[in-house]
Amino acid sequence: MAKLRGVVLAGGLGKRLAPLTKITNKHLLPVYNLPMVYYPIQILVEAGIRDILIVTGGNNAGDFLRLLGNGHAFGLKHLDYTYQEGEGGIAAALGLAEEFAEGQKIVVILGDNVIERSIKTYVQKFSKQRKGARILVKDVKDPERFGVVSFKGNKIKAIREKPKRPESSYVVTGIYMYDSKVFDIIKTLKPSGRGELEITDVNNAYLKKNQLYYDILDGWWTDAGTFESLLRANNLIAQKVRGRKG
């Protein structure tokens, strides 16, 4: 497998989880028996990725260094870190990884994403792609919270960010795989109505070039960015850990 680099996006202010996030970063909150940020790092490591960048922000960024150090708890020799000032959106945070990527393909995961199974198979498929992007999609009950995918046959027709009337129940999970052109795309983006650079616009740029591929993620998936989804993540991980012990 070609050498891929991993990026964990763990910035933002986590306002939807206030007051829990008043004194700490959202991604340092516990999900059952581990800090939230452990899960995306574990996902990347299990998929065979060893060069990982943590993009963080807010007033508690130093806590990541104290918690994670050089990544020895994950079997890594070192971790890279960079700091996002303010809240510019997911795509803006990803843009900070350009120097780290050094022209290599990257696998990006949002710091509040928790999944049941390995993504290694999807990462291997992406490593064999000549160019373009690959996203993982999932059928969910609350698609209006995410970037919603509509299909034409077995191909993606469009992705719409947080639509009031979703065209399907399939959404883009917070796991994205990009070639080096992603940084050129980010530089062309304009802020959305929310004042942020949207990752959906990045994915749609690849879609326009017929370079966006997808897989349906196997097993359960959830974010942990609201009180409801944070509770769901805790319960799912608890069941997974107890099942492993049993």
Protein backbone atom coordinates (compact mmCIF):
# COMPACT_ATOMS: atom_id res chain seq x y z
CA MET A 1 0.00 0.00 0.00
CA ALA A 2 1.28 3.44 -0.93
CA LYS A 3 2.34 5.51 2.06
CA LEU A 4 -0.63 7.54 3.23
CA ARG A 5 -0.77 10.25 5.85
CA GLY A 6 -3.54 10.73 8.38
CA VAL A 7 -5.18 13.93 9.63
CA VAL A 8 -7.42 14.18 12.70
CA LEU A 9 -9.48 17.39 12.74
CA ALA A 10 -10.01 18.26 16.41
CA GLY A 11 -10.42 22.03 16.39
CA GLY A 12 -13.54 24.15 16.82
CA LEU A 13 -15.13 25.43 20.00
CA GLY A 14 -17.75 22.70 20.51
CA LYS A 15 -20.49 25.22 21.31
CA ARG A 16 -23.27 22.63 20.94
CA LEU A 17 -21.82 20.79 23.93
CA ALA A 18 -21.62 23.81 26.26
CA PRO A 19 -21.19 24.00 29.23
CA LEU A 20 -19.15 20.75 28.97
CA THR A 21 -16.78 22.51 26.58
CA LYS A 22 -16.40 25.69 28.62
CA ILE A 23 -13.18 24.43 30.22
CA THR A 24 -12.00 21.78 27.77
CA ASN A 25 -11.93 20.93 24.07
CA LYS A 26 -14.85 18.77 22.85
CA HIS A 27 -12.47 16.10 21.60
CA LEU A 28 -11.02 15.59 25.09
CA LEU A 29 -14.39 14.65 26.58
CA PRO A 30 -14.78 10.97 27.53
CA VAL A 31 -16.51 8.45 25.30
CA TYR A 32 -16.99 5.54 27.68
CA ASN A 33 -13.48 4.65 28.86
CA LEU A 34 -11.28 6.79 26.60
CA PRO A 35 -10.95 10.44 25.55
CA MET A 36 -12.89 11.09 22.35
CA VAL A 37 -9.79 11.88 20.28
CA TYR A 38 -8.36 8.41 20.94
CA TYR A 39 -10.93 6.80 18.64
CA PRO A 40 -10.05 8.53 15.35
CA ILE A 41 -6.35 8.01 16.02
CA GLN A 42 -6.97 4.32 16.66
CA ILE A 43 -8.99 4.10 13.43
CA LEU A 44 -6.09 5.52 11.39
CA VAL A 45 -3.44 3.37 13.09
CA GLU A 46 -5.51 0.21 12.61
CA ALA A 47 -5.77 1.08 8.91
CA GLY A 48 -1.99 1.07 8.66
CA ILE A 49 -1.31 4.81 8.83
CA ARG A 50 1.67 5.89 10.93
CA ASP A 51 2.19 9.56 10.02
CA ILE A 52 -0.62 11.47 11.74
CA LEU A 53 -1.33 15.17 12.22
CA ILE A 54 -3.67 16.48 14.94
CA VAL A 55 -5.32 19.79 14.01
CA THR A 56 -6.58 21.43 17.18
CA GLY A 57 -7.66 24.85 18.38
CA GLY A 58 -9.37 26.80 21.16
CA ASN A 59 -8.01 27.61 24.61
CA ASN A 60 -7.10 24.05 25.58
CA ALA A 61 -4.89 22.98 22.69
CA GLY A 62 -1.96 22.32 25.03
CA ASP A 63 -3.97 19.58 26.71
CA PHE A 64 -3.70 17.46 23.55
CA LEU A 65 0.08 17.46 23.86
CA ARG A 66 -0.13 16.47 27.53
CA LEU A 67 -2.62 13.71 26.75
CA LEU A 68 -1.20 12.29 23.52
CA GLY A 69 2.49 13.15 23.67
CA ASN A 70 4.30 11.51 20.76
CA GLY A 71 1.62 8.88 20.26
CA HIS A 72 3.43 6.04 22.04
CA ALA A 73 0.10 4.78 23.45
CA PHE A 74 -0.89 4.03 19.84
CA GLY A 75 2.41 2.42 18.86
CA LEU A 76 3.58 5.54 17.02
CA LYS A 77 7.05 7.07 17.04
CA HIS A 78 5.69 10.60 16.92
CA LEU A 79 2.62 12.76 16.34
CA ASP A 80 2.45 16.07 14.50
CA TYR A 81 0.34 18.99 15.72
CA THR A 82 -0.95 22.24 14.23
CA TYR A 83 -3.23 24.96 15.57
CA GLN A 84 -6.41 26.37 14.00
CA GLU A 85 -7.20 29.93 15.02
CA GLY A 86 -10.93 30.57 15.43
CA GLU A 87 -13.59 28.56 13.62
CA GLY A 88 -13.16 28.60 9.86
CA GLY A 89 -14.86 25.31 9.08
CA ILE A 90 -13.69 21.79 8.39
CA ALA A 91 -12.14 22.65 5.02
CA ALA A 92 -10.19 25.54 6.56
CA ALA A 93 -8.85 23.21 9.24
CA LEU A 94 -7.81 20.70 6.60
CA GLY A 95 -6.00 23.42 4.69
CA LEU A 96 -3.56 23.66 7.60
CA ALA A 97 -2.34 20.14 6.76
CA GLU A 98 -0.82 21.06 3.38
CA GLU A 99 2.78 21.28 4.60
CA PHE A 100 2.39 18.06 6.59
CA ALA A 101 0.98 16.18 3.58
CA GLU A 102 4.02 16.97 1.41
CA GLY A 103 2.15 16.05 -1.76
CA GLN A 104 1.06 12.63 -0.44
CA LYS A 105 -2.48 11.26 -0.31
CA ILE A 106 -4.24 11.83 2.99
CA VAL A 107 -6.94 10.13 5.03
CA VAL A 108 -8.90 12.66 7.08
CA ILE A 109 -11.17 11.93 10.02
CA LEU A 110 -13.18 14.27 12.20
CA GLY A 111 -12.15 14.09 15.84
CA ASP A 112 -15.67 13.30 17.06
CA ASN A 113 -16.32 10.30 14.80
CA VAL A 114 -16.71 6.84 16.31
CA ILE A 115 -17.17 3.67 14.27
CA GLU A 116 -17.64 -0.03 14.86
CA ARG A 117 -15.32 -1.62 12.32
CA SER A 118 -12.04 -1.10 10.51
CA ILE A 119 -11.69 1.18 7.47
CA LYS A 120 -8.58 -0.66 6.25
CA THR A 121 -10.31 -2.13 3.18
CA TYR A 122 -11.51 1.31 2.04
CA VAL A 123 -8.09 2.87 2.65
CA GLN A 124 -6.46 0.14 0.56
CA LYS A 125 -8.88 0.84 -2.30
CA PHE A 126 -8.07 4.54 -2.06
CA SER A 127 -4.33 3.87 -2.11
CA LYS A 128 -4.79 2.16 -5.48
CA GLN A 129 -6.74 5.09 -6.96
CA ARG A 130 -4.70 7.06 -9.45
CA LYS A 131 -6.31 10.35 -8.46
CA GLY A 132 -9.33 11.92 -6.84
CA ALA A 133 -11.16 11.46 -3.56
CA ARG A 134 -13.04 8.71 -1.75
CA ILE A 135 -15.72 9.22 0.90
CA LEU A 136 -17.57 6.83 3.20
CA VAL A 137 -21.35 7.17 3.36
CA LYS A 138 -23.89 5.79 5.81
CA ASP A 139 -27.66 5.41 6.06
CA VAL A 140 -28.85 7.39 9.13
CA LYS A 141 -32.08 8.45 10.82
CA ASP A 142 -31.22 12.18 11.01
CA PRO A 143 -29.65 13.04 7.64
CA GLU A 144 -30.55 16.74 7.90
CA ARG A 145 -27.64 17.14 10.35
CA PHE A 146 -25.04 16.20 7.74
CA GLY A 147 -23.98 16.43 4.12
CA VAL A 148 -26.69 14.42 2.34
CA VAL A 149 -25.87 12.29 -0.70
CA SER A 150 -28.33 11.84 -3.57
CA PHE A 151 -27.72 9.14 -6.14
CA LYS A 152 -28.36 8.50 -9.81
CA GLY A 153 -28.11 4.76 -10.21
CA ASN A 154 -25.02 3.71 -8.29
CA LYS A 155 -23.24 7.04 -8.75
CA ILE A 156 -23.38 10.15 -6.58
CA LYS A 157 -25.48 12.86 -8.20
CA ALA A 158 -25.05 15.59 -5.58
CA ILE A 159 -24.11 16.33 -1.98
CA ARG A 160 -26.05 18.98 -0.10
CA GLU A 161 -24.99 20.36 3.27
CA LYS A 162 -27.61 20.08 6.04
CA PRO A 163 -30.70 20.30 3.77
CA LYS A 164 -34.10 20.88 5.38
CA ARG A 165 -35.60 18.27 3.05
CA PRO A 166 -33.01 15.54 2.47
CA GLU A 167 -33.23 13.70 -0.86
CA SER A 168 -31.98 10.50 0.77
CA SER A 169 -31.07 9.10 4.17
CA TYR A 170 -27.44 8.58 3.14
CA VAL A 171 -24.90 11.03 4.53
CA VAL A 172 -21.18 11.65 4.23
CA THR A 173 -19.46 10.40 7.37
CA GLY A 174 -16.56 12.35 8.81
CA ILE A 175 -14.00 10.16 7.02
CA TYR A 176 -12.53 11.57 3.80
CA MET A 177 -9.66 10.49 1.55
CA TYR A 178 -8.02 12.98 -0.80
CA ASP A 179 -5.18 13.28 -3.27
CA SER A 180 -2.82 16.27 -3.15
CA LYS A 181 -5.15 18.42 -5.28
CA VAL A 182 -7.41 18.93 -2.25
CA PHE A 183 -5.34 21.88 -1.09
CA ASP A 184 -5.68 23.63 -4.45
CA ILE A 185 -9.45 23.14 -4.17
CA ILE A 186 -9.58 24.55 -0.63
CA LYS A 187 -7.83 27.71 -1.80
CA THR A 188 -10.66 28.37 -4.29
CA LEU A 189 -13.49 28.02 -1.75
CA LYS A 190 -15.63 30.89 -0.51
CA PRO A 191 -17.28 30.93 2.93
CA SER A 192 -20.81 29.55 3.11
CA GLY A 193 -23.76 31.28 4.73
CA ARG A 194 -22.37 30.03 8.05
CA GLY A 195 -19.14 31.92 7.37
CA GLU A 196 -17.16 28.67 7.04
CA LEU A 197 -15.30 26.79 4.33
CA GLU A 198 -17.42 23.67 3.89
CA ILE A 199 -16.00 20.19 3.32
CA THR A 200 -19.11 19.48 1.21
CA ASP A 201 -17.84 22.07 -1.29
CA VAL A 202 -14.54 20.18 -1.46
CA ASN A 203 -16.34 16.91 -2.15
CA ASN A 204 -18.57 18.53 -4.77
CA ALA A 205 -15.50 19.94 -6.52
CA TYR A 206 -14.19 16.39 -6.93
CA LEU A 207 -17.67 15.28 -8.01
CA LYS A 208 -17.68 17.86 -10.83
CA LYS A 209 -14.40 16.40 -12.08
CA ASN A 210 -15.84 12.85 -11.93
CA GLN A 211 -13.15 12.01 -9.38
CA LEU A 212 -15.30 11.32 -6.30
CA TYR A 213 -15.65 7.67 -5.32
CA TYR A 214 -17.53 6.22 -2.37
CA ASP A 215 -18.10 3.16 -0.23
CA ILE A 216 -20.94 2.42 2.18
CA LEU A 217 -19.39 2.15 5.62
CA ASP A 218 -19.88 -1.23 7.25
CA GLY A 219 -21.03 -1.39 10.89
CA TRP A 220 -22.39 1.45 13.00
CA TRP A 221 -21.13 5.03 12.88
CA THR A 222 -21.88 8.14 14.90
CA ASP A 223 -20.50 11.57 15.54
CA ALA A 224 -20.39 12.89 19.11
CA GLY A 225 -20.98 16.59 18.57
CA THR A 226 -24.37 16.95 20.30
CA PHE A 227 -25.63 15.74 23.66
CA GLU A 228 -27.74 13.09 21.93
CA SER A 229 -24.94 11.80 19.69
CA LEU A 230 -22.40 11.95 22.54
CA LEU A 231 -24.68 9.72 24.59
CA ARG A 232 -25.13 7.42 21.59
CA ALA A 233 -21.36 7.18 21.11
CA ASN A 234 -20.86 6.31 24.79
CA ASN A 235 -23.51 3.58 24.65
CA LEU A 236 -22.21 2.06 21.41
CA ILE A 237 -18.61 1.95 22.61
CA ALA A 238 -19.72 0.51 25.96
CA GLN A 239 -21.55 -2.30 24.15
CA LYS A 240 -18.54 -2.91 21.92
CA VAL A 241 -16.10 -3.08 24.86
CA ARG A 242 -18.38 -5.30 26.93
CA GLY A 243 -18.88 -7.61 23.95
CA ARG A 244 -15.11 -7.90 23.56
CA LYS A 245 -14.72 -8.76 27.25
CA GLY A 246 -17.59 -11.26 27.06
